[in-house]
Amino acid sequence: MNTILTIYPGAGGDDAQDWAKMLLRMYQRFCDKKKLVYKKNKKFVLEIKNGYDFLQQEAGVHRLVRQSPFSAKKLRHTSFALVEVLPELKNIQIEINPQDLRIDTFRASGPGGQYVNKTESAVRMTHLPTGFVSACQTERSQAQNKEKALLLLKAKLYAKEQNKAKAEQAEFKTGLSPEWGNQIRSYVLHPYKMVRNEITGKKHYNVDEILDGNLDKL
């Protein structure tokens, strides 16, 4: 199943943006090693062919501890990034009641904020029961953007149900109650080097190896 992987930098300015770039490179290297075909859609978005089964476990918060390269005093800094992994739904049926949707249209804008279309072709779609929001402005027509926004919204709902089922299974097995968005991995570069899988507790001491895309080590 194809997947859309999106990295959302946390608060923290340059450090957070740099951490998101490091994660993006890690996933690109992982795809290269697995011979997965991908394309970079936006700044921190990868569309990966047949990548969902390989990467669905990457969803969650990733934490980095290091000496900040942006601090003159090389102060220790903690950065966070949220990784979202969604299946690209084209053949999976997810029913959405039209009454549960709020659809807003607006003019598409370019990188500098300038409008690139005179008509309101961009679409923002809100699923009222869950509060999930999807938006699309990449296509020329409003109808095409609406179709892509709906597919993205369905992917979010599908991922929510998948995660709920896994959480219930994990709770049954361990007595724990994991929640969507919990921290799943810590990467420490200072004062020592270690990557820790917060789900399994497994540790790996060659951080560079993991950041170079060798995720199977975890």
Protein backbone atom coordinates (compact mmCIF):
# COMPACT_ATOMS: atom_id res chain seq x y z
CA MET A 1 0.00 0.00 0.00
CA ASN A 2 1.34 3.44 -0.91
CA THR A 3 1.90 5.90 1.91
CA ILE A 4 2.19 9.62 2.59
CA LEU A 5 4.79 10.41 5.26
CA THR A 6 4.70 13.91 6.73
CA ILE A 7 7.09 15.40 9.31
CA TYR A 8 5.82 18.24 11.50
CA PRO A 9 8.63 20.14 13.31
CA GLY A 10 7.90 21.02 16.93
CA ALA A 11 8.54 24.37 18.56
CA GLY A 12 12.15 25.49 18.65
CA GLY A 13 12.99 27.45 15.51
CA ASP A 14 16.15 26.42 13.67
CA ASP A 15 16.80 23.38 15.86
CA ALA A 16 13.33 21.95 15.23
CA GLN A 17 13.52 22.60 11.48
CA ASP A 18 16.96 20.98 11.32
CA TRP A 19 15.69 17.93 13.22
CA ALA A 20 12.85 17.56 10.70
CA LYS A 21 15.43 17.71 7.88
CA MET A 22 17.48 14.98 9.59
CA LEU A 23 14.41 12.75 9.87
CA LEU A 24 13.50 13.41 6.24
CA ARG A 25 16.97 12.32 5.13
CA MET A 26 16.72 9.23 7.38
CA TYR A 27 13.52 8.13 5.66
CA GLN A 28 14.89 8.89 2.21
CA ARG A 29 17.95 6.74 2.98
CA PHE A 30 15.67 3.99 4.32
CA CYS A 31 13.69 4.04 1.07
CA ASP A 32 16.89 3.90 -0.95
CA LYS A 33 18.08 0.84 0.98
CA LYS A 34 14.70 -0.90 0.59
CA LYS A 35 14.50 0.16 -3.08
CA LEU A 36 11.20 1.91 -2.41
CA VAL A 37 10.20 4.46 -5.03
CA TYR A 38 9.36 7.84 -3.51
CA LYS A 39 9.00 11.49 -4.37
CA LYS A 40 9.29 14.57 -2.21
CA ASN A 41 5.96 16.34 -2.51
CA LYS A 42 6.46 19.32 -0.21
CA LYS A 43 9.13 20.44 2.26
CA PHE A 44 8.65 17.60 4.74
CA VAL A 45 6.34 15.27 2.80
CA LEU A 46 7.27 12.00 1.06
CA GLU A 47 4.95 9.97 -1.15
CA ILE A 48 6.26 6.39 -1.02
CA LYS A 49 5.15 3.57 -3.28
CA ASN A 50 4.33 0.36 -1.36
CA GLY A 51 5.80 1.90 1.79
CA TYR A 52 2.98 1.69 4.33
CA ASP A 53 3.84 -1.74 5.74
CA PHE A 54 7.49 -0.69 6.15
CA LEU A 55 6.86 2.69 7.78
CA GLN A 56 3.56 2.63 9.67
CA GLN A 57 5.44 1.97 12.94
CA GLU A 58 7.27 5.31 12.50
CA ALA A 59 4.13 7.31 13.32
CA GLY A 60 4.49 9.31 16.52
CA VAL A 61 6.76 11.81 18.24
CA HIS A 62 10.54 11.61 17.72
CA ARG A 63 12.79 13.34 20.29
CA LEU A 64 16.37 14.55 19.73
CA VAL A 65 18.85 15.59 22.45
CA ARG A 66 22.11 17.21 21.31
CA GLN A 67 24.38 20.22 21.54
CA SER A 68 22.63 22.81 19.41
CA PRO A 69 24.64 23.70 16.28
CA PHE A 70 22.73 27.00 16.29
CA SER A 71 23.88 28.02 19.78
CA ALA A 72 27.14 29.97 20.09
CA LYS A 73 27.67 28.35 23.50
CA LYS A 74 26.80 24.87 22.17
CA LEU A 75 24.04 24.50 24.74
CA ARG A 76 22.23 21.20 25.12
CA HIS A 77 18.90 21.32 23.31
CA THR A 78 15.91 19.01 22.97
CA SER A 79 13.90 19.01 19.74
CA PHE A 80 10.69 17.22 18.84
CA ALA A 81 9.03 16.27 15.55
CA LEU A 82 5.77 14.49 14.84
CA VAL A 83 5.84 11.90 12.07
CA GLU A 84 2.50 11.14 10.41
CA VAL A 85 2.25 8.02 8.25
CA LEU A 86 -0.95 7.68 6.23
CA PRO A 87 -1.97 5.08 3.65
CA GLU A 88 -2.82 6.43 0.21
CA LEU A 89 -6.41 5.26 -0.07
CA LYS A 90 -7.67 4.64 -3.57
CA ASN A 91 -9.21 1.19 -3.34
CA ILE A 92 -10.20 1.04 0.35
CA GLN A 93 -13.77 2.06 1.06
CA ILE A 94 -14.27 4.49 3.95
CA GLU A 95 -17.81 5.81 4.27
CA ILE A 96 -18.21 9.46 5.29
CA ASN A 97 -21.60 11.06 5.84
CA PRO A 98 -21.70 14.28 3.77
CA GLN A 99 -23.45 15.96 6.71
CA ASP A 100 -20.31 15.35 8.78
CA LEU A 101 -18.19 17.47 6.43
CA ARG A 102 -17.54 21.19 6.31
CA ILE A 103 -15.95 22.25 3.03
CA ASP A 104 -14.26 25.64 2.65
CA THR A 105 -12.76 27.01 -0.55
CA PHE A 106 -10.03 29.60 -0.91
CA ARG A 107 -7.52 30.92 -3.42
CA ALA A 108 -4.34 28.86 -3.76
CA SER A 109 -1.14 30.61 -2.69
CA GLY A 110 2.49 30.12 -3.64
CA PRO A 111 5.65 29.80 -1.51
CA GLY A 112 5.85 33.55 -0.90
CA GLY A 113 2.22 33.87 0.07
CA GLN A 114 1.16 35.37 -3.24
CA TYR A 115 -2.01 34.05 -4.85
CA VAL A 116 -1.41 31.77 -7.83
CA ASN A 117 -5.03 31.38 -8.91
CA LYS A 118 -7.75 33.98 -9.41
CA THR A 119 -10.52 31.53 -8.49
CA GLU A 120 -11.15 29.75 -5.20
CA SER A 121 -9.82 26.40 -6.41
CA ALA A 122 -8.15 25.32 -3.14
CA VAL A 123 -10.21 23.19 -0.75
CA ARG A 124 -10.11 22.70 3.02
CA MET A 125 -12.22 19.83 4.36
CA THR A 126 -13.12 19.32 8.04
CA HIS A 127 -14.58 16.10 9.46
CA LEU A 128 -16.79 17.50 12.21
CA PRO A 129 -17.07 14.38 14.46
CA THR A 130 -13.28 14.00 14.79
CA GLY A 131 -12.00 17.50 13.98
CA PHE A 132 -9.65 16.07 11.34
CA VAL A 133 -8.74 18.59 8.63
CA SER A 134 -7.32 18.02 5.15
CA ALA A 135 -6.51 20.58 2.49
CA CYS A 136 -5.39 20.53 -1.12
CA GLN A 137 -4.39 23.29 -3.53
CA THR A 138 -2.05 21.42 -5.87
CA GLU A 139 -4.57 20.80 -8.67
CA ARG A 140 -5.94 23.35 -11.13
CA SER A 141 -9.63 22.75 -10.53
CA GLN A 142 -11.69 22.87 -7.36
CA ALA A 143 -13.21 19.46 -8.16
CA GLN A 144 -9.77 17.81 -8.37
CA ASN A 145 -8.63 19.46 -5.14
CA LYS A 146 -11.84 18.34 -3.43
CA GLU A 147 -11.24 14.76 -4.55
CA LYS A 148 -7.66 14.74 -3.22
CA ALA A 149 -8.67 16.40 0.05
CA LEU A 150 -11.35 13.74 0.55
CA LEU A 151 -8.83 10.94 -0.08
CA LEU A 152 -6.46 12.46 2.47
CA LEU A 153 -9.27 12.78 5.01
CA LYS A 154 -10.24 9.14 4.48
CA ALA A 155 -6.60 8.16 4.99
CA LYS A 156 -6.55 9.95 8.34
CA LEU A 157 -9.75 8.20 9.44
CA TYR A 158 -8.39 4.84 8.29
CA ALA A 159 -5.13 5.39 10.20
CA LYS A 160 -7.12 6.37 13.29
CA GLU A 161 -9.07 3.11 13.18
CA GLN A 162 -5.90 1.09 12.55
CA ASN A 163 -4.20 2.74 15.50
CA LYS A 164 -7.24 2.19 17.72
CA ALA A 165 -7.21 -1.53 16.93
CA LYS A 166 -3.48 -1.78 17.66
CA ALA A 167 -3.89 0.16 20.91
CA GLU A 168 -6.66 -2.16 22.06
CA GLN A 169 -4.50 -5.17 21.20
CA ALA A 170 -1.50 -3.72 23.07
CA GLU A 171 -3.66 -2.88 26.08
CA PHE A 172 -4.96 -6.45 26.14
CA LYS A 173 -1.42 -7.85 26.02
CA THR A 174 0.39 -5.46 28.36
CA GLY A 175 -2.21 -3.61 30.38
CA LEU A 176 -0.93 -0.31 28.96
CA SER A 177 -3.02 2.22 27.12
CA PRO A 178 -0.92 3.83 24.36
CA GLU A 179 -2.37 6.98 22.79
CA TRP A 180 -2.02 8.47 19.34
CA GLY A 181 0.90 10.89 19.20
CA ASN A 182 2.93 9.46 22.09
CA GLN A 183 6.71 9.64 21.94
CA ILE A 184 7.98 6.54 20.16
CA ARG A 185 11.73 7.12 19.89
CA SER A 186 14.53 9.13 21.51
CA TYR A 187 17.79 10.01 19.77
CA VAL A 188 20.58 11.20 22.10
CA LEU A 189 23.75 12.73 20.62
CA HIS A 190 25.01 14.42 23.81
CA PRO A 191 26.37 13.76 26.44
CA TYR A 192 26.37 10.15 25.12
CA LYS A 193 25.07 8.51 21.95
CA MET A 194 22.03 6.25 21.93
CA VAL A 195 18.74 5.63 20.17
CA ARG A 196 15.96 4.17 22.30
CA ASN A 197 12.72 2.68 21.01
CA GLU A 198 10.24 3.93 23.61
CA ILE A 199 7.72 1.25 22.65
CA THR A 200 9.93 -1.82 23.03
CA GLY A 201 12.69 -0.37 25.21
CA LYS A 202 15.33 -1.58 22.73
CA LYS A 203 18.49 0.55 22.58
CA HIS A 204 21.02 1.04 19.79
CA TYR A 205 24.28 2.89 20.39
CA ASN A 206 25.28 3.72 16.81
CA VAL A 207 23.03 6.74 16.26
CA ASP A 208 24.62 7.61 12.92
CA GLU A 209 23.70 4.16 11.61
CA ILE A 210 20.03 4.73 12.45
CA LEU A 211 20.00 8.27 11.04
CA ASP A 212 21.48 6.83 7.84
CA GLY A 213 18.27 4.85 7.35
CA ASN A 214 19.08 1.51 8.98
CA LEU A 215 15.77 1.37 10.82
CA ASP A 216 15.73 -2.44 10.85
CA LYS A 217 18.31 -2.24 13.65
CA LEU A 218 15.49 -1.11 15.93
